[in-house]
PDB file of N, CA and C in Angstrom:
ATOM      1  N   MET A   1      81.936 133.050 173.938  1.00  0.00           N
ATOM      2  CA  MET A   1      80.604 132.485 173.846  1.00  0.00           C
ATOM      3  C   MET A   1      80.717 130.951 173.828  1.00  0.00           C
ATOM      4  N   THR A   2      79.955 130.285 174.693  1.00  0.00           N
ATOM      5  CA  THR A   2      79.995 128.821 174.732  1.00  0.00           C
ATOM      6  C   THR A   2      79.014 128.256 173.722  1.00  0.00           C
ATOM      7  N   PRO A   3      79.402 127.153 173.065  1.00  0.00           N
ATOM      8  CA  PRO A   3      78.491 126.545 172.083  1.00  0.00           C
ATOM      9  C   PRO A   3      77.281 125.922 172.777  1.00  0.00           C
ATOM     10  N   ASN A   4      76.190 125.923 172.066  1.00  0.00           N
ATOM     11  CA  ASN A   4      74.960 125.323 172.582  1.00  0.00           C
ATOM     12  C   ASN A   4      75.095 123.802 172.493  1.00  0.00           C
ATOM     13  N   PRO A   5      75.050 123.058 173.624  1.00  0.00           N
ATOM     14  CA  PRO A   5      75.230 121.599 173.557  1.00  0.00           C
ATOM     15  C   PRO A   5      74.100 120.903 172.814  1.00  0.00           C
ATOM     16  N   ARG A   6      72.916 121.512 172.813  1.00  0.00           N
ATOM     17  CA  ARG A   6      71.795 120.895 172.093  1.00  0.00           C
ATOM     18  C   ARG A   6      72.054 120.829 170.587  1.00  0.00           C
ATOM     19  N   LYS A   7      72.809 121.744 170.086  1.00  0.00           N
ATOM     20  CA  LYS A   7      73.069 121.791 168.648  1.00  0.00           C
ATOM     21  C   LYS A   7      73.821 120.540 168.176  1.00  0.00           C
ATOM     22  N   TYR A   8      74.606 119.948 169.048  1.00  0.00           N
ATOM     23  CA  TYR A   8      75.452 118.830 168.662  1.00  0.00           C
ATOM     24  C   TYR A   8      74.880 117.471 169.027  1.00  0.00           C
ATOM     25  N   VAL A   9      73.679 117.429 169.596  1.00  0.00           N
ATOM     26  CA  VAL A   9      73.084 116.163 170.008  1.00  0.00           C
ATOM     27  C   VAL A   9      71.693 116.038 169.397  1.00  0.00           C
ATOM     28  N   ASN A  10      71.560 116.376 168.134  1.00  0.00           N
ATOM     29  CA  ASN A  10      70.285 116.260 167.416  1.00  0.00           C
ATOM     30  C   ASN A  10      69.121 116.903 168.170  1.00  0.00           C
ATOM     31  N   GLN A  11      69.387 118.023 168.796  1.00  0.00           N
ATOM     32  CA  GLN A  11      68.374 118.793 169.516  1.00  0.00           C
ATOM     33  C   GLN A  11      67.817 118.078 170.736  1.00  0.00           C
ATOM     34  N   TRP A  12      68.436 117.000 171.179  1.00  0.00           N
ATOM     35  CA  TRP A  12      67.979 116.279 172.364  1.00  0.00           C
ATOM     36  C   TRP A  12      69.074 116.299 173.414  1.00  0.00           C
ATOM     37  N   VAL A  13      68.675 116.364 174.641  1.00  0.00           N
ATOM     38  CA  VAL A  13      69.627 116.274 175.742  1.00  0.00           C
ATOM     39  C   VAL A  13      69.377 114.942 176.423  1.00  0.00           C
ATOM     40  N   TYR A  14      70.380 114.090 176.463  1.00  0.00           N
ATOM     41  CA  TYR A  14      70.244 112.765 177.033  1.00  0.00           C
ATOM     42  C   TYR A  14      70.712 112.776 178.478  1.00  0.00           C
ATOM     43  N   PRO A  15      69.863 112.356 179.415  1.00  0.00           N
ATOM     44  CA  PRO A  15      70.312 112.318 180.812  1.00  0.00           C
ATOM     45  C   PRO A  15      71.246 111.133 181.044  1.00  0.00           C
ATOM     46  N   LEU A  16      72.148 111.291 181.965  1.00  0.00           N
ATOM     47  CA  LEU A  16      73.030 110.189 182.343  1.00  0.00           C
ATOM     48  C   LEU A  16      72.312 109.334 183.364  1.00  0.00           C
ATOM     49  N   VAL A  17      72.303 108.040 183.140  1.00  0.00           N
ATOM     50  CA  VAL A  17      71.664 107.114 184.062  1.00  0.00           C
ATOM     51  C   VAL A  17      72.741 106.196 184.602  1.00  0.00           C
ATOM     52  N   PHE A  18      72.867 106.162 185.891  1.00  0.00           N
ATOM     53  CA  PHE A  18      73.853 105.302 186.519  1.00  0.00           C
ATOM     54  C   PHE A  18      73.150 104.086 187.110  1.00  0.00           C
ATOM     55  N   ILE A  19      73.634 102.901 186.766  1.00  0.00           N
ATOM     56  CA  ILE A  19      73.079 101.659 187.281  1.00  0.00           C
ATOM     57  C   ILE A  19      74.094 101.076 188.251  1.00  0.00           C
ATOM     58  N   PRO A  20      73.676 100.811 189.493  1.00  0.00           N
ATOM     59  CA  PRO A  20      74.619 100.213 190.441  1.00  0.00           C
ATOM     60  C   PRO A  20      75.113  98.857 189.933  1.00  0.00           C
ATOM     61  N   VAL A  21      76.361  98.562 190.201  1.00  0.00           N
ATOM     62  CA  VAL A  21      76.982  97.330 189.725  1.00  0.00           C
ATOM     63  C   VAL A  21      76.201  96.107 190.195  1.00  0.00           C
ATOM     64  N   GLU A  22      75.699  96.122 191.422  1.00  0.00           N
ATOM     65  CA  GLU A  22      74.990  94.954 191.936  1.00  0.00           C
ATOM     66  C   GLU A  22      73.656  94.720 191.236  1.00  0.00           C
ATOM     67  N   LYS A  23      73.154  95.690 190.472  1.00  0.00           N
ATOM     68  CA  LYS A  23      71.895  95.508 189.743  1.00  0.00           C
ATOM     69  C   LYS A  23      72.116  95.130 188.280  1.00  0.00           C
ATOM     70  N   MET A  24      73.364  95.112 187.836  1.00  0.00           N
ATOM     71  CA  MET A  24      73.657  94.752 186.458  1.00  0.00           C
ATOM     72  C   MET A  24      73.514  93.244 186.270  1.00  0.00           C
ATOM     73  N   VAL A  25      73.010  92.851 185.128  1.00  0.00           N
ATOM     74  CA  VAL A  25      72.839  91.442 184.811  1.00  0.00           C
ATOM     75  C   VAL A  25      73.670  91.130 183.574  1.00  0.00           C
ATOM     76  N   VAL A  26      74.485  90.109 183.669  1.00  0.00           N
ATOM     77  CA  VAL A  26      75.296  89.690 182.529  1.00  0.00           C
ATOM     78  C   VAL A  26      74.670  88.423 181.971  1.00  0.00           C
ATOM     79  N   VAL A  27      74.352  88.454 180.689  1.00  0.00           N
ATOM     80  CA  VAL A  27      73.761  87.297 180.027  1.00  0.00           C
ATOM     81  C   VAL A  27      74.853  86.620 179.213  1.00  0.00           C
ATOM     82  N   ARG A  28      75.019  85.343 179.413  1.00  0.00           N
ATOM     83  CA  ARG A  28      76.039  84.572 178.695  1.00  0.00           C
ATOM     84  C   ARG A  28      75.379  83.840 177.549  1.00  0.00           C
ATOM     85  N   TYR A  29      75.881  84.043 176.361  1.00  0.00           N
ATOM     86  CA  TYR A  29      75.382  83.359 175.175  1.00  0.00           C
ATOM     87  C   TYR A  29      76.420  82.357 174.691  1.00  0.00           C
ATOM     88  N   LEU A  30      75.928  81.234 174.202  1.00  0.00           N
ATOM     89  CA  LEU A  30      76.806  80.206 173.645  1.00  0.00           C
ATOM     90  C   LEU A  30      76.879  80.382 172.140  1.00  0.00           C
ATOM     91  N   GLY A  31      78.086  80.332 171.615  1.00  0.00           N
ATOM     92  CA  GLY A  31      78.275  80.364 170.177  1.00  0.00           C
ATOM     93  C   GLY A  31      78.158  78.963 169.599  1.00  0.00           C
ATOM     94  N   VAL A  32      78.345  78.844 168.311  1.00  0.00           N
ATOM     95  CA  VAL A  32      78.215  77.558 167.618  1.00  0.00           C
ATOM     96  C   VAL A  32      79.152  76.514 168.212  1.00  0.00           C
ATOM     97  N   ASN A  33      80.403  76.868 168.452  1.00  0.00           N
ATOM     98  CA  ASN A  33      81.363  75.892 168.990  1.00  0.00           C
ATOM     99  C   ASN A  33      80.982  75.453 170.401  1.00  0.00           C
ATOM    100  N   GLU A  34      80.484  76.384 171.209  1.00  0.00           N
ATOM    101  CA  GLU A  34      80.089  76.026 172.571  1.00  0.00           C
ATOM    102  C   GLU A  34      78.826  75.174 172.584  1.00  0.00           C
ATOM    103  N   VAL A  35      77.895  75.469 171.667  1.00  0.00           N
ATOM    104  CA  VAL A  35      76.688  74.640 171.548  1.00  0.00           C
ATOM    105  C   VAL A  35      77.084  73.237 171.106  1.00  0.00           C
ATOM    106  N   ALA A  36      78.016  73.156 170.174  1.00  0.00           N
ATOM    107  CA  ALA A  36      78.480  71.849 169.699  1.00  0.00           C
ATOM    108  C   ALA A  36      79.101  71.051 170.848  1.00  0.00           C
ATOM    109  N   ALA A  37      79.923  71.685 171.644  1.00  0.00           N
ATOM    110  CA  ALA A  37      80.553  70.993 172.772  1.00  0.00           C
ATOM    111  C   ALA A  37      79.507  70.560 173.800  1.00  0.00           C
ATOM    112  N   ARG A  38      78.506  71.393 174.037  1.00  0.00           N
ATOM    113  CA  ARG A  38      77.470  71.084 175.033  1.00  0.00           C
ATOM    114  C   ARG A  38      76.564  69.952 174.582  1.00  0.00           C
ATOM    115  N   THR A  39      76.315  69.856 173.269  1.00  0.00           N
ATOM    116  CA  THR A  39      75.371  68.868 172.748  1.00  0.00           C
ATOM    117  C   THR A  39      76.034  67.597 172.249  1.00  0.00           C
ATOM    118  N   GLY A  40      77.342  67.633 172.007  1.00  0.00           N
ATOM    119  CA  GLY A  40      78.024  66.476 171.446  1.00  0.00           C
ATOM    120  C   GLY A  40      77.906  66.400 169.933  1.00  0.00           C
ATOM    121  N   LEU A  41      77.338  67.430 169.316  1.00  0.00           N
ATOM    122  CA  LEU A  41      77.247  67.486 167.852  1.00  0.00           C
ATOM    123  C   LEU A  41      78.438  68.269 167.318  1.00  0.00           C
ATOM    124  N   SER A  42      78.695  68.145 166.032  1.00  0.00           N
ATOM    125  CA  SER A  42      79.810  68.888 165.448  1.00  0.00           C
ATOM    126  C   SER A  42      79.377  70.328 165.159  1.00  0.00           C
ATOM    127  N   PRO A  43      80.340  71.257 165.108  1.00  0.00           N
ATOM    128  CA  PRO A  43      79.998  72.636 164.763  1.00  0.00           C
ATOM    129  C   PRO A  43      79.306  72.746 163.403  1.00  0.00           C
ATOM    130  N   ASN A  44      79.722  71.907 162.434  1.00  0.00           N
ATOM    131  CA  ASN A  44      79.062  71.960 161.123  1.00  0.00           C
ATOM    132  C   ASN A  44      77.607  71.511 161.207  1.00  0.00           C
ATOM    133  N   THR A  45      77.312  70.545 162.059  1.00  0.00           N
ATOM    134  CA  THR A  45      75.928  70.103 162.240  1.00  0.00           C
ATOM    135  C   THR A  45      75.104  71.218 162.865  1.00  0.00           C
ATOM    136  N   ILE A  46      75.652  71.911 163.867  1.00  0.00           N
ATOM    137  CA  ILE A  46      74.945  73.026 164.501  1.00  0.00           C
ATOM    138  C   ILE A  46      74.684  74.123 163.478  1.00  0.00           C
ATOM    139  N   LYS A  47      75.679  74.448 162.664  1.00  0.00           N
ATOM    140  CA  LYS A  47      75.484  75.475 161.623  1.00  0.00           C
ATOM    141  C   LYS A  47      74.399  75.047 160.646  1.00  0.00           C
ATOM    142  N   SER A  48      74.423  73.788 160.255  1.00  0.00           N
ATOM    143  CA  SER A  48      73.428  73.271 159.323  1.00  0.00           C
ATOM    144  C   SER A  48      72.040  73.304 159.944  1.00  0.00           C
ATOM    145  N   TYR A  49      71.906  72.812 161.187  1.00  0.00           N
ATOM    146  CA  TYR A  49      70.612  72.804 161.870  1.00  0.00           C
ATOM    147  C   TYR A  49      70.073  74.217 162.047  1.00  0.00           C
ATOM    148  N   SER A  50      70.949  75.170 162.354  1.00  0.00           N
ATOM    149  CA  SER A  50      70.481  76.536 162.611  1.00  0.00           C
ATOM    150  C   SER A  50      69.999  77.228 161.345  1.00  0.00           C
ATOM    151  N   SER A  51      70.381  76.698 160.178  1.00  0.00           N
ATOM    152  CA  SER A  51      69.916  77.313 158.927  1.00  0.00           C
ATOM    153  C   SER A  51      68.606  76.697 158.434  1.00  0.00           C
ATOM    154  N   ILE A  52      68.148  75.612 159.068  1.00  0.00           N
ATOM    155  CA  ILE A  52      66.895  74.959 158.698  1.00  0.00           C
ATOM    156  C   ILE A  52      65.818  75.387 159.692  1.00  0.00           C
ATOM    157  N   PRO A  53      64.783  76.113 159.243  1.00  0.00           N
ATOM    158  CA  PRO A  53      63.747  76.568 160.170  1.00  0.00           C
ATOM    159  C   PRO A  53      63.091  75.400 160.908  1.00  0.00           C
ATOM    160  N   GLY A  54      62.967  75.524 162.243  1.00  0.00           N
ATOM    161  CA  GLY A  54      62.318  74.519 163.057  1.00  0.00           C
ATOM    162  C   GLY A  54      63.215  73.380 163.513  1.00  0.00           C
ATOM    163  N   ARG A  55      64.388  73.264 162.961  1.00  0.00           N
ATOM    164  CA  ARG A  55      65.292  72.165 163.342  1.00  0.00           C
ATOM    165  C   ARG A  55      65.987  72.431 164.672  1.00  0.00           C
ATOM    166  N   MET A  56      66.163  73.707 164.947  1.00  0.00           N
ATOM    167  CA  MET A  56      66.873  74.136 166.151  1.00  0.00           C
ATOM    168  C   MET A  56      66.200  75.416 166.640  1.00  0.00           C
ATOM    169  N   PRO A  57      66.262  75.733 167.931  1.00  0.00           N
ATOM    170  CA  PRO A  57      65.641  76.974 168.400  1.00  0.00           C
ATOM    171  C   PRO A  57      66.267  78.198 167.729  1.00  0.00           C
ATOM    172  N   GLN A  58      65.459  79.233 167.582  1.00  0.00           N
ATOM    173  CA  GLN A  58      65.979  80.495 167.064  1.00  0.00           C
ATOM    174  C   GLN A  58      67.027  81.025 168.034  1.00  0.00           C
ATOM    175  N   PRO A  59      68.039  81.705 167.544  1.00  0.00           N
ATOM    176  CA  PRO A  59      69.048  82.272 168.445  1.00  0.00           C
ATOM    177  C   PRO A  59      68.408  83.281 169.403  1.00  0.00           C
ATOM    178  N   ASP A  60      68.915  83.327 170.610  1.00  0.00           N
ATOM    179  CA  ASP A  60      68.449  84.310 171.585  1.00  0.00           C
ATOM    180  C   ASP A  60      69.048  85.681 171.306  1.00  0.00           C
ATOM    181  N   ALA A  61      70.163  85.702 170.598  1.00  0.00           N
ATOM    182  CA  ALA A  61      70.822  86.959 170.252  1.00  0.00           C
ATOM    183  C   ALA A  61      71.547  86.784 168.924  1.00  0.00           C
ATOM    184  N   MET A  62      71.605  87.874 168.186  1.00  0.00           N
ATOM    185  CA  MET A  62      72.385  87.901 166.939  1.00  0.00           C
ATOM    186  C   MET A  62      73.221  89.173 166.974  1.00  0.00           C
ATOM    187  N   ILE A  63      74.511  89.020 166.791  1.00  0.00           N
ATOM    188  CA  ILE A  63      75.403  90.169 166.689  1.00  0.00           C
ATOM    189  C   ILE A  63      76.033  90.068 165.318  1.00  0.00           C
ATOM    190  N   GLY A  64      75.503  90.855 164.405  1.00  0.00           N
ATOM    191  CA  GLY A  64      75.899  90.714 163.009  1.00  0.00           C
ATOM    192  C   GLY A  64      75.380  89.384 162.499  1.00  0.00           C
ATOM    193  N   ARG A  65      76.271  88.538 162.025  1.00  0.00           N
ATOM    194  CA  ARG A  65      75.873  87.198 161.574  1.00  0.00           C
ATOM    195  C   ARG A  65      76.129  86.130 162.622  1.00  0.00           C
ATOM    196  N   VAL A  66      76.654  86.527 163.770  1.00  0.00           N
ATOM    197  CA  VAL A  66      77.001  85.575 164.834  1.00  0.00           C
ATOM    198  C   VAL A  66      75.761  85.288 165.680  1.00  0.00           C
ATOM    199  N   LYS A  67      75.429  83.996 165.806  1.00  0.00           N
ATOM    200  CA  LYS A  67      74.258  83.575 166.568  1.00  0.00           C
ATOM    201  C   LYS A  67      74.669  83.189 167.978  1.00  0.00           C
ATOM    202  N   GLY A  68      73.771  83.462 168.928  1.00  0.00           N
ATOM    203  CA  GLY A  68      74.037  83.095 170.309  1.00  0.00           C
ATOM    204  C   GLY A  68      72.788  82.548 170.977  1.00  0.00           C
ATOM    205  N   TRP A  69      72.962  81.485 171.740  1.00  0.00           N
ATOM    206  CA  TRP A  69      71.864  80.856 172.468  1.00  0.00           C
ATOM    207  C   TRP A  69      72.217  80.866 173.948  1.00  0.00           C
ATOM    208  N   THR A  70      71.207  80.989 174.798  1.00  0.00           N
ATOM    209  CA  THR A  70      71.462  80.853 176.233  1.00  0.00           C
ATOM    210  C   THR A  70      71.605  79.359 176.541  1.00  0.00           C
ATOM    211  N   PRO A  71      72.332  79.021 177.577  1.00  0.00           N
ATOM    212  CA  PRO A  71      72.461  77.605 177.955  1.00  0.00           C
ATOM    213  C   PRO A  71      71.093  76.963 178.224  1.00  0.00           C
ATOM    214  N   GLU A  72      70.164  77.729 178.805  1.00  0.00           N
ATOM    215  CA  GLU A  72      68.834  77.190 179.093  1.00  0.00           C
ATOM    216  C   GLU A  72      68.097  76.809 177.813  1.00  0.00           C
ATOM    217  N   THR A  73      68.222  77.626 176.782  1.00  0.00           N
ATOM    218  CA  THR A  73      67.573  77.338 175.498  1.00  0.00           C
ATOM    219  C   THR A  73      68.098  76.033 174.918  1.00  0.00           C
ATOM    220  N   ILE A  74      69.401  75.834 174.959  1.00  0.00           N
ATOM    221  CA  ILE A  74      70.009  74.626 174.406  1.00  0.00           C
ATOM    222  C   ILE A  74      69.622  73.412 175.242  1.00  0.00           C
ATOM    223  N   ASP A  75      69.596  73.566 176.574  1.00  0.00           N
ATOM    224  CA  ASP A  75      69.217  72.443 177.440  1.00  0.00           C
ATOM    225  C   ASP A  75      67.773  72.009 177.186  1.00  0.00           C
ATOM    226  N   ARG A  76      66.852  72.980 177.045  1.00  0.00           N
ATOM    227  CA  ARG A  76      65.449  72.637 176.742  1.00  0.00           C
ATOM    228  C   ARG A  76      65.341  71.948 175.386  1.00  0.00           C
ATOM    229  N   TRP A  77      66.103  72.422 174.413  1.00  0.00           N
ATOM    230  CA  TRP A  77      66.084  71.818 173.077  1.00  0.00           C
ATOM    231  C   TRP A  77      66.580  70.376 173.143  1.00  0.00           C
ATOM    232  N   MET A  78      67.645  70.140 173.893  1.00  0.00           N
ATOM    233  CA  MET A  78      68.185  68.786 174.015  1.00  0.00           C
ATOM    234  C   MET A  78      67.196  67.873 174.737  1.00  0.00           C
ATOM    235  N   GLU A  79      66.481  68.371 175.736  1.00  0.00           N
ATOM    236  CA  GLU A  79      65.469  67.565 176.421  1.00  0.00           C
ATOM    237  C   GLU A  79      64.347  67.177 175.468  1.00  0.00           C
ATOM    238  N   ARG A  80      63.899  68.132 174.640  1.00  0.00           N
ATOM    239  CA  ARG A  80      62.838  67.831 173.661  1.00  0.00           C
ATOM    240  C   ARG A  80      63.321  66.831 172.621  1.00  0.00           C
ATOM    241  N   ARG A  81      64.589  66.949 172.216  1.00  0.00           N
ATOM    242  CA  ARG A  81      65.129  65.996 171.228  1.00  0.00           C
ATOM    243  C   ARG A  81      65.197  64.595 171.795  1.00  0.00           C
ATOM    244  N   ALA A  82      65.497  64.484 173.087  1.00  0.00           N
ATOM    245  CA  ALA A  82      65.622  63.164 173.711  1.00  0.00           C
ATOM    246  C   ALA A  82      64.279  62.465 173.837  1.00  0.00           C
ATOM    247  N   THR A  83      63.199  63.226 173.967  1.00  0.00           N
ATOM    248  CA  THR A  83      61.874  62.618 174.145  1.00  0.00           C
ATOM    249  C   THR A  83      61.207  62.277 172.826  1.00  0.00           C
ATOM    250  N   THR A  84      61.717  62.784 171.723  1.00  0.00           N
ATOM    251  CA  THR A  84      61.080  62.477 170.431  1.00  0.00           C
ATOM    252  C   THR A  84      61.831  61.419 169.677  1.00  0.00           C
TER     253      THR A  84
END
């Protein structure tokens, strides 16, 4: 007798979805050290700014406690800082 596969998947059957490689999008996030290198600020300044609401843009991604920003987000932030 074969086991019922539904019993082992919380009563749900998940279909397999295949995405062609050419349709996949890879998003690159900058960490604190990369943001520091891009902006000319120190990593400690970036960490400090990111903990003060409104001082720096919110991270575009968080993986655990690790913050990540897209290069576009950092570039827009630097442009706004230069005009003020």
